[in-house]
Amino acid sequence: MISSNISEGAARNTEKEFIQFLDIASGSASELETQLIIAHKLKYISEIDALLEKVTSVKKLFQGLIRYYKKKVIRD
């Protein structure tokens, strides 16, 4: 879902639309984080820390990319 949102946003005509889909992808990363926590609590997965660190890293990358494009849209 995350990669599909990025792909769909990249195919749009404007950077403003791309930003919107990056926001959606970031939200999907938060959903994944929640699903991992639930899976851990239900004992479907045992090791969660490394996965959560990766999700957090991806979310930070999204925020940086979103900030970059928002500044770019303002300049253009």
PDB file of N, CA and C in Angstrom:
ATOM      1  N   MET A   1       0.819  -1.191   0.000  1.00  0.00           N
ATOM      2  CA  MET A   1       0.000   0.000   0.000  1.00  0.00           C
ATOM      3  C   MET A   1       0.869   1.263   0.000  1.00  0.00           C
ATOM      4  N   ILE A   2       1.925   1.260   0.775  1.00  0.00           N
ATOM      5  CA  ILE A   2       2.786   2.436   0.855  1.00  0.00           C
ATOM      6  C   ILE A   2       3.386   2.734  -0.516  1.00  0.00           C
ATOM      7  N   SER A   3       3.971   1.735  -1.128  1.00  0.00           N
ATOM      8  CA  SER A   3       4.612   1.952  -2.429  1.00  0.00           C
ATOM      9  C   SER A   3       3.591   2.302  -3.508  1.00  0.00           C
ATOM     10  N   SER A   4       2.395   1.754  -3.412  1.00  0.00           N
ATOM     11  CA  SER A   4       1.345   2.080  -4.391  1.00  0.00           C
ATOM     12  C   SER A   4       0.951   3.548  -4.304  1.00  0.00           C
ATOM     13  N   ASN A   5       0.886   4.088  -3.093  1.00  0.00           N
ATOM     14  CA  ASN A   5       0.550   5.507  -2.935  1.00  0.00           C
ATOM     15  C   ASN A   5       1.642   6.405  -3.500  1.00  0.00           C
ATOM     16  N   ILE A   6       2.887   6.027  -3.272  1.00  0.00           N
ATOM     17  CA  ILE A   6       3.996   6.812  -3.831  1.00  0.00           C
ATOM     18  C   ILE A   6       3.936   6.775  -5.348  1.00  0.00           C
ATOM     19  N   SER A   7       3.727   5.600  -5.903  1.00  0.00           N
ATOM     20  CA  SER A   7       3.669   5.436  -7.353  1.00  0.00           C
ATOM     21  C   SER A   7       2.515   6.233  -7.958  1.00  0.00           C
ATOM     22  N   GLU A   8       1.359   6.146  -7.341  1.00  0.00           N
ATOM     23  CA  GLU A   8       0.202   6.877  -7.850  1.00  0.00           C
ATOM     24  C   GLU A   8       0.433   8.380  -7.787  1.00  0.00           C
ATOM     25  N   GLY A   9       1.017   8.838  -6.681  1.00  0.00           N
ATOM     26  CA  GLY A   9       1.299  10.265  -6.548  1.00  0.00           C
ATOM     27  C   GLY A   9       2.309  10.755  -7.566  1.00  0.00           C
ATOM     28  N   ALA A  10       3.323   9.936  -7.832  1.00  0.00           N
ATOM     29  CA  ALA A  10       4.348  10.317  -8.810  1.00  0.00           C
ATOM     30  C   ALA A  10       3.772  10.418 -10.218  1.00  0.00           C
ATOM     31  N   ALA A  11       2.710   9.682 -10.465  1.00  0.00           N
ATOM     32  CA  ALA A  11       2.092   9.693 -11.794  1.00  0.00           C
ATOM     33  C   ALA A  11       1.126  10.865 -11.977  1.00  0.00           C
ATOM     34  N   ARG A  12       0.855  11.589 -10.922  1.00  0.00           N
ATOM     35  CA  ARG A  12      -0.058  12.732 -11.009  1.00  0.00           C
ATOM     36  C   ARG A  12       0.598  13.899 -11.732  1.00  0.00           C
ATOM     37  N   ASN A  13      -0.204  14.878 -12.077  1.00  0.00           N
ATOM     38  CA  ASN A  13       0.265  15.988 -12.903  1.00  0.00           C
ATOM     39  C   ASN A  13       0.970  17.102 -12.138  1.00  0.00           C
ATOM     40  N   THR A  14       0.721  17.204 -10.847  1.00  0.00           N
ATOM     41  CA  THR A  14       1.305  18.319 -10.105  1.00  0.00           C
ATOM     42  C   THR A  14       2.042  17.822  -8.865  1.00  0.00           C
ATOM     43  N   GLU A  15       2.967  18.637  -8.404  1.00  0.00           N
ATOM     44  CA  GLU A  15       3.692  18.302  -7.179  1.00  0.00           C
ATOM     45  C   GLU A  15       2.772  18.387  -5.967  1.00  0.00           C
ATOM     46  N   LYS A  16       1.773  19.251  -6.041  1.00  0.00           N
ATOM     47  CA  LYS A  16       0.803  19.355  -4.947  1.00  0.00           C
ATOM     48  C   LYS A  16       0.056  18.037  -4.758  1.00  0.00           C
ATOM     49  N   GLU A  17      -0.317  17.414  -5.861  1.00  0.00           N
ATOM     50  CA  GLU A  17      -0.971  16.105  -5.779  1.00  0.00           C
ATOM     51  C   GLU A  17      -0.003  15.044  -5.261  1.00  0.00           C
ATOM     52  N   PHE A  18       1.262  15.122  -5.687  1.00  0.00           N
ATOM     53  CA  PHE A  18       2.269  14.181  -5.222  1.00  0.00           C
ATOM     54  C   PHE A  18       2.418  14.285  -3.702  1.00  0.00           C
ATOM     55  N   ILE A  19       2.426  15.498  -3.187  1.00  0.00           N
ATOM     56  CA  ILE A  19       2.516  15.716  -1.741  1.00  0.00           C
ATOM     57  C   ILE A  19       1.349  15.037  -1.031  1.00  0.00           C
ATOM     58  N   GLN A  20       0.166  15.179  -1.598  1.00  0.00           N
ATOM     59  CA  GLN A  20      -1.020  14.559  -1.001  1.00  0.00           C
ATOM     60  C   GLN A  20      -0.841  13.040  -0.887  1.00  0.00           C
ATOM     61  N   PHE A  21      -0.318  12.417  -1.933  1.00  0.00           N
ATOM     62  CA  PHE A  21      -0.137  10.971  -1.906  1.00  0.00           C
ATOM     63  C   PHE A  21       1.025  10.565  -1.004  1.00  0.00           C
ATOM     64  N   LEU A  22       2.019  11.437  -0.851  1.00  0.00           N
ATOM     65  CA  LEU A  22       3.074  11.165   0.124  1.00  0.00           C
ATOM     66  C   LEU A  22       2.506  11.197   1.539  1.00  0.00           C
ATOM     67  N   ASP A  23       1.593  12.118   1.793  1.00  0.00           N
ATOM     68  CA  ASP A  23       0.910  12.167   3.096  1.00  0.00           C
ATOM     69  C   ASP A  23       0.130  10.877   3.351  1.00  0.00           C
ATOM     70  N   ILE A  24      -0.546  10.399   2.315  1.00  0.00           N
ATOM     71  CA  ILE A  24      -1.303   9.154   2.438  1.00  0.00           C
ATOM     72  C   ILE A  24      -0.357   7.985   2.703  1.00  0.00           C
ATOM     73  N   ALA A  25       0.768   7.945   1.990  1.00  0.00           N
ATOM     74  CA  ALA A  25       1.754   6.887   2.186  1.00  0.00           C
ATOM     75  C   ALA A  25       2.316   6.937   3.606  1.00  0.00           C
ATOM     76  N   SER A  26       2.542   8.134   4.118  1.00  0.00           N
ATOM     77  CA  SER A  26       3.021   8.290   5.490  1.00  0.00           C
ATOM     78  C   SER A  26       1.988   7.749   6.477  1.00  0.00           C
ATOM     79  N   GLY A  27       0.736   8.025   6.209  1.00  0.00           N
ATOM     80  CA  GLY A  27      -0.343   7.483   7.043  1.00  0.00           C
ATOM     81  C   GLY A  27      -0.377   5.967   6.981  1.00  0.00           C
ATOM     82  N   SER A  28      -0.117   5.419   5.805  1.00  0.00           N
ATOM     83  CA  SER A  28      -0.067   3.965   5.662  1.00  0.00           C
ATOM     84  C   SER A  28       1.083   3.370   6.472  1.00  0.00           C
ATOM     85  N   ALA A  29       2.177   4.091   6.565  1.00  0.00           N
ATOM     86  CA  ALA A  29       3.302   3.636   7.396  1.00  0.00           C
ATOM     87  C   ALA A  29       2.889   3.616   8.868  1.00  0.00           C
ATOM     88  N   SER A  30       2.106   4.584   9.282  1.00  0.00           N
ATOM     89  CA  SER A  30       1.593   4.587  10.654  1.00  0.00           C
ATOM     90  C   SER A  30       0.640   3.416  10.887  1.00  0.00           C
ATOM     91  N   GLU A  31      -0.165   3.115   9.887  1.00  0.00           N
ATOM     92  CA  GLU A  31      -1.048   1.948   9.984  1.00  0.00           C
ATOM     93  C   GLU A  31      -0.227   0.666  10.125  1.00  0.00           C
ATOM     94  N   LEU A  32       0.840   0.547   9.353  1.00  0.00           N
ATOM     95  CA  LEU A  32       1.715  -0.618   9.436  1.00  0.00           C
ATOM     96  C   LEU A  32       2.302  -0.733  10.836  1.00  0.00           C
ATOM     97  N   GLU A  33       2.720   0.397  11.393  1.00  0.00           N
ATOM     98  CA  GLU A  33       3.265   0.402  12.745  1.00  0.00           C
ATOM     99  C   GLU A  33       2.244  -0.167  13.735  1.00  0.00           C
ATOM    100  N   THR A  34       0.998   0.278  13.624  1.00  0.00           N
ATOM    101  CA  THR A  34      -0.067  -0.217  14.493  1.00  0.00           C
ATOM    102  C   THR A  34      -0.296  -1.710  14.297  1.00  0.00           C
ATOM    103  N   GLN A  35      -0.301  -2.165  13.046  1.00  0.00           N
ATOM    104  CA  GLN A  35      -0.507  -3.581  12.761  1.00  0.00           C
ATOM    105  C   GLN A  35       0.623  -4.437  13.328  1.00  0.00           C
ATOM    106  N   LEU A  36       1.846  -3.932  13.285  1.00  0.00           N
ATOM    107  CA  LEU A  36       2.973  -4.660  13.875  1.00  0.00           C
ATOM    108  C   LEU A  36       2.819  -4.787  15.388  1.00  0.00           C
ATOM    109  N   ILE A  37       2.394  -3.708  16.022  1.00  0.00           N
ATOM    110  CA  ILE A  37       2.184  -3.733  17.474  1.00  0.00           C
ATOM    111  C   ILE A  37       1.092  -4.740  17.833  1.00  0.00           C
ATOM    112  N   ILE A  38       0.011  -4.727  17.083  1.00  0.00           N
ATOM    113  CA  ILE A  38      -1.079  -5.682  17.338  1.00  0.00           C
ATOM    114  C   ILE A  38      -0.599  -7.114  17.132  1.00  0.00           C
ATOM    115  N   ALA A  39       0.135  -7.344  16.040  1.00  0.00           N
ATOM    116  CA  ALA A  39       0.649  -8.692  15.761  1.00  0.00           C
ATOM    117  C   ALA A  39       1.573  -9.160  16.878  1.00  0.00           C
ATOM    118  N   HIS A  40       2.357  -8.244  17.422  1.00  0.00           N
ATOM    119  CA  HIS A  40       3.247  -8.581  18.528  1.00  0.00           C
ATOM    120  C   HIS A  40       2.452  -8.923  19.784  1.00  0.00           C
ATOM    121  N   LYS A  41       1.447  -8.113  20.096  1.00  0.00           N
ATOM    122  CA  LYS A  41       0.621  -8.372  21.290  1.00  0.00           C
ATOM    123  C   LYS A  41      -0.133  -9.695  21.176  1.00  0.00           C
ATOM    124  N   LEU A  42      -0.509 -10.058  19.958  1.00  0.00           N
ATOM    125  CA  LEU A  42      -1.212 -11.333  19.741  1.00  0.00           C
ATOM    126  C   LEU A  42      -0.248 -12.498  19.560  1.00  0.00           C
ATOM    127  N   LYS A  43       1.047 -12.196  19.687  1.00  0.00           N
ATOM    128  CA  LYS A  43       2.114 -13.197  19.616  1.00  0.00           C
ATOM    129  C   LYS A  43       2.264 -13.853  18.234  1.00  0.00           C
ATOM    130  N   TYR A  44       1.900 -13.104  17.185  1.00  0.00           N
ATOM    131  CA  TYR A  44       2.158 -13.573  15.818  1.00  0.00           C
ATOM    132  C   TYR A  44       3.618 -13.334  15.437  1.00  0.00           C
ATOM    133  N   ILE A  45       4.210 -12.290  16.027  1.00  0.00           N
ATOM    134  CA  ILE A  45       5.636 -12.017  15.822  1.00  0.00           C
ATOM    135  C   ILE A  45       6.276 -11.799  17.185  1.00  0.00           C
ATOM    136  N   SER A  46       7.534 -12.202  17.297  1.00  0.00           N
ATOM    137  CA  SER A  46       8.189 -12.077  18.598  1.00  0.00           C
ATOM    138  C   SER A  46       9.118 -10.865  18.651  1.00  0.00           C
ATOM    139  N   GLU A  47       9.856 -10.618  17.597  1.00  0.00           N
ATOM    140  CA  GLU A  47      10.798  -9.499  17.575  1.00  0.00           C
ATOM    141  C   GLU A  47      10.171  -8.326  16.835  1.00  0.00           C
ATOM    142  N   ILE A  48      10.007  -7.225  17.540  1.00  0.00           N
ATOM    143  CA  ILE A  48       9.318  -6.081  16.942  1.00  0.00           C
ATOM    144  C   ILE A  48      10.189  -4.828  16.885  1.00  0.00           C
ATOM    145  N   ASP A  49      11.167  -4.737  17.763  1.00  0.00           N
ATOM    146  CA  ASP A  49      11.944  -3.496  17.888  1.00  0.00           C
ATOM    147  C   ASP A  49      12.610  -3.068  16.578  1.00  0.00           C
ATOM    148  N   ALA A  50      13.275  -3.991  15.909  1.00  0.00           N
ATOM    149  CA  ALA A  50      13.962  -3.648  14.656  1.00  0.00           C
ATOM    150  C   ALA A  50      12.962  -3.212  13.588  1.00  0.00           C
ATOM    151  N   LEU A  51      11.810  -3.866  13.549  1.00  0.00           N
ATOM    152  CA  LEU A  51      10.781  -3.498  12.571  1.00  0.00           C
ATOM    153  C   LEU A  51      10.234  -2.102  12.846  1.00  0.00           C
ATOM    154  N   LEU A  52       9.969  -1.813  14.101  1.00  0.00           N
ATOM    155  CA  LEU A  52       9.446  -0.495  14.456  1.00  0.00           C
ATOM    156  C   LEU A  52      10.465   0.607  14.170  1.00  0.00           C
ATOM    157  N   GLU A  53      11.741   0.302  14.376  1.00  0.00           N
ATOM    158  CA  GLU A  53      12.784   1.280  14.052  1.00  0.00           C
ATOM    159  C   GLU A  53      12.796   1.581  12.558  1.00  0.00           C
ATOM    160  N   LYS A  54      12.624   0.554  11.740  1.00  0.00           N
ATOM    161  CA  LYS A  54      12.593   0.760  10.288  1.00  0.00           C
ATOM    162  C   LYS A  54      11.378   1.571   9.871  1.00  0.00           C
ATOM    163  N   VAL A  55      10.227   1.283  10.458  1.00  0.00           N
ATOM    164  CA  VAL A  55       9.020   2.048  10.141  1.00  0.00           C
ATOM    165  C   VAL A  55       9.207   3.504  10.551  1.00  0.00           C
ATOM    166  N   THR A  56       9.771   3.737  11.723  1.00  0.00           N
ATOM    167  CA  THR A  56      10.036   5.105  12.180  1.00  0.00           C
ATOM    168  C   THR A  56      10.970   5.824  11.217  1.00  0.00           C
ATOM    169  N   SER A  57      11.977   5.120  10.751  1.00  0.00           N
ATOM    170  CA  SER A  57      12.921   5.705   9.790  1.00  0.00           C
ATOM    171  C   SER A  57      12.217   6.086   8.488  1.00  0.00           C
ATOM    172  N   VAL A  58      11.358   5.217   8.011  1.00  0.00           N
ATOM    173  CA  VAL A  58      10.604   5.491   6.774  1.00  0.00           C
ATOM    174  C   VAL A  58       9.691   6.703   6.972  1.00  0.00           C
ATOM    175  N   LYS A  59       9.030   6.788   8.119  1.00  0.00           N
ATOM    176  CA  LYS A  59       8.152   7.924   8.392  1.00  0.00           C
ATOM    177  C   LYS A  59       8.933   9.236   8.416  1.00  0.00           C
ATOM    178  N   LYS A  60      10.139   9.211   8.976  1.00  0.00           N
ATOM    179  CA  LYS A  60      10.982  10.416   8.982  1.00  0.00           C
ATOM    180  C   LYS A  60      11.391  10.802   7.566  1.00  0.00           C
ATOM    181  N   LEU A  61      11.695   9.809   6.740  1.00  0.00           N
ATOM    182  CA  LEU A  61      12.029  10.089   5.344  1.00  0.00           C
ATOM    183  C   LEU A  61      10.853  10.732   4.617  1.00  0.00           C
ATOM    184  N   PHE A  62       9.656  10.223   4.876  1.00  0.00           N
ATOM    185  CA  PHE A  62       8.460  10.823   4.269  1.00  0.00           C
ATOM    186  C   PHE A  62       8.313  12.276   4.687  1.00  0.00           C
ATOM    187  N   GLN A  63       8.477  12.551   5.969  1.00  0.00           N
ATOM    188  CA  GLN A  63       8.321  13.927   6.441  1.00  0.00           C
ATOM    189  C   GLN A  63       9.334  14.861   5.792  1.00  0.00           C
ATOM    190  N   GLY A  64      10.570  14.390   5.632  1.00  0.00           N
ATOM    191  CA  GLY A  64      11.579  15.199   4.953  1.00  0.00           C
ATOM    192  C   GLY A  64      11.234  15.442   3.498  1.00  0.00           C
ATOM    193  N   LEU A  65      10.770  14.406   2.822  1.00  0.00           N
ATOM    194  CA  LEU A  65      10.390  14.530   1.414  1.00  0.00           C
ATOM    195  C   LEU A  65       9.187  15.458   1.252  1.00  0.00           C
ATOM    196  N   ILE A  66       8.231  15.330   2.141  1.00  0.00           N
ATOM    197  CA  ILE A  66       7.054  16.199   2.098  1.00  0.00           C
ATOM    198  C   ILE A  66       7.455  17.653   2.328  1.00  0.00           C
ATOM    199  N   ARG A  67       8.324  17.901   3.319  1.00  0.00           N
ATOM    200  CA  ARG A  67       8.807  19.276   3.563  1.00  0.00           C
ATOM    201  C   ARG A  67       9.501  19.835   2.329  1.00  0.00           C
ATOM    202  N   TYR A  68      10.350  19.011   1.705  1.00  0.00           N
ATOM    203  CA  TYR A  68      11.069  19.440   0.506  1.00  0.00           C
ATOM    204  C   TYR A  68      10.096  19.870  -0.589  1.00  0.00           C
ATOM    205  N   TYR A  69       9.111  19.026  -0.873  1.00  0.00           N
ATOM    206  CA  TYR A  69       8.179  19.352  -1.951  1.00  0.00           C
ATOM    207  C   TYR A  69       7.278  20.531  -1.602  1.00  0.00           C
ATOM    208  N   LYS A  70       6.908  20.672  -0.341  1.00  0.00           N
ATOM    209  CA  LYS A  70       6.086  21.832   0.057  1.00  0.00           C
ATOM    210  C   LYS A  70       6.860  23.113  -0.161  1.00  0.00           C
ATOM    211  N   LYS A  71       8.152  23.136   0.196  1.00  0.00           N
ATOM    212  CA  LYS A  71       8.969  24.322  -0.032  1.00  0.00           C
ATOM    213  C   LYS A  71       9.120  24.582  -1.528  1.00  0.00           C
ATOM    214  N   LYS A  72       9.282  23.516  -2.286  1.00  0.00           N
ATOM    215  CA  LYS A  72       9.447  23.632  -3.737  1.00  0.00           C
ATOM    216  C   LYS A  72       8.186  24.204  -4.384  1.00  0.00           C
ATOM    217  N   VAL A  73       7.025  23.762  -3.929  1.00  0.00           N
ATOM    218  CA  VAL A  73       5.752  24.251  -4.469  1.00  0.00           C
ATOM    219  C   VAL A  73       5.606  25.736  -4.157  1.00  0.00           C
ATOM    220  N   ILE A  74       5.997  26.161  -2.963  1.00  0.00           N
ATOM    221  CA  ILE A  74       5.905  27.566  -2.585  1.00  0.00           C
ATOM    222  C   ILE A  74       6.812  28.429  -3.466  1.00  0.00           C
ATOM    223  N   ARG A  75       8.030  27.920  -3.756  1.00  0.00           N
ATOM    224  CA  ARG A  75       8.985  28.683  -4.582  1.00  0.00           C
ATOM    225  C   ARG A  75       8.508  28.801  -6.029  1.00  0.00           C
ATOM    226  N   ASP A  76       7.861  27.762  -6.519  1.00  0.00           N
ATOM    227  CA  ASP A  76       7.457  27.760  -7.945  1.00  0.00           C
ATOM    228  C   ASP A  76       6.186  28.493  -8.148  1.00  0.00           C
TER     229      ASP A  76
END
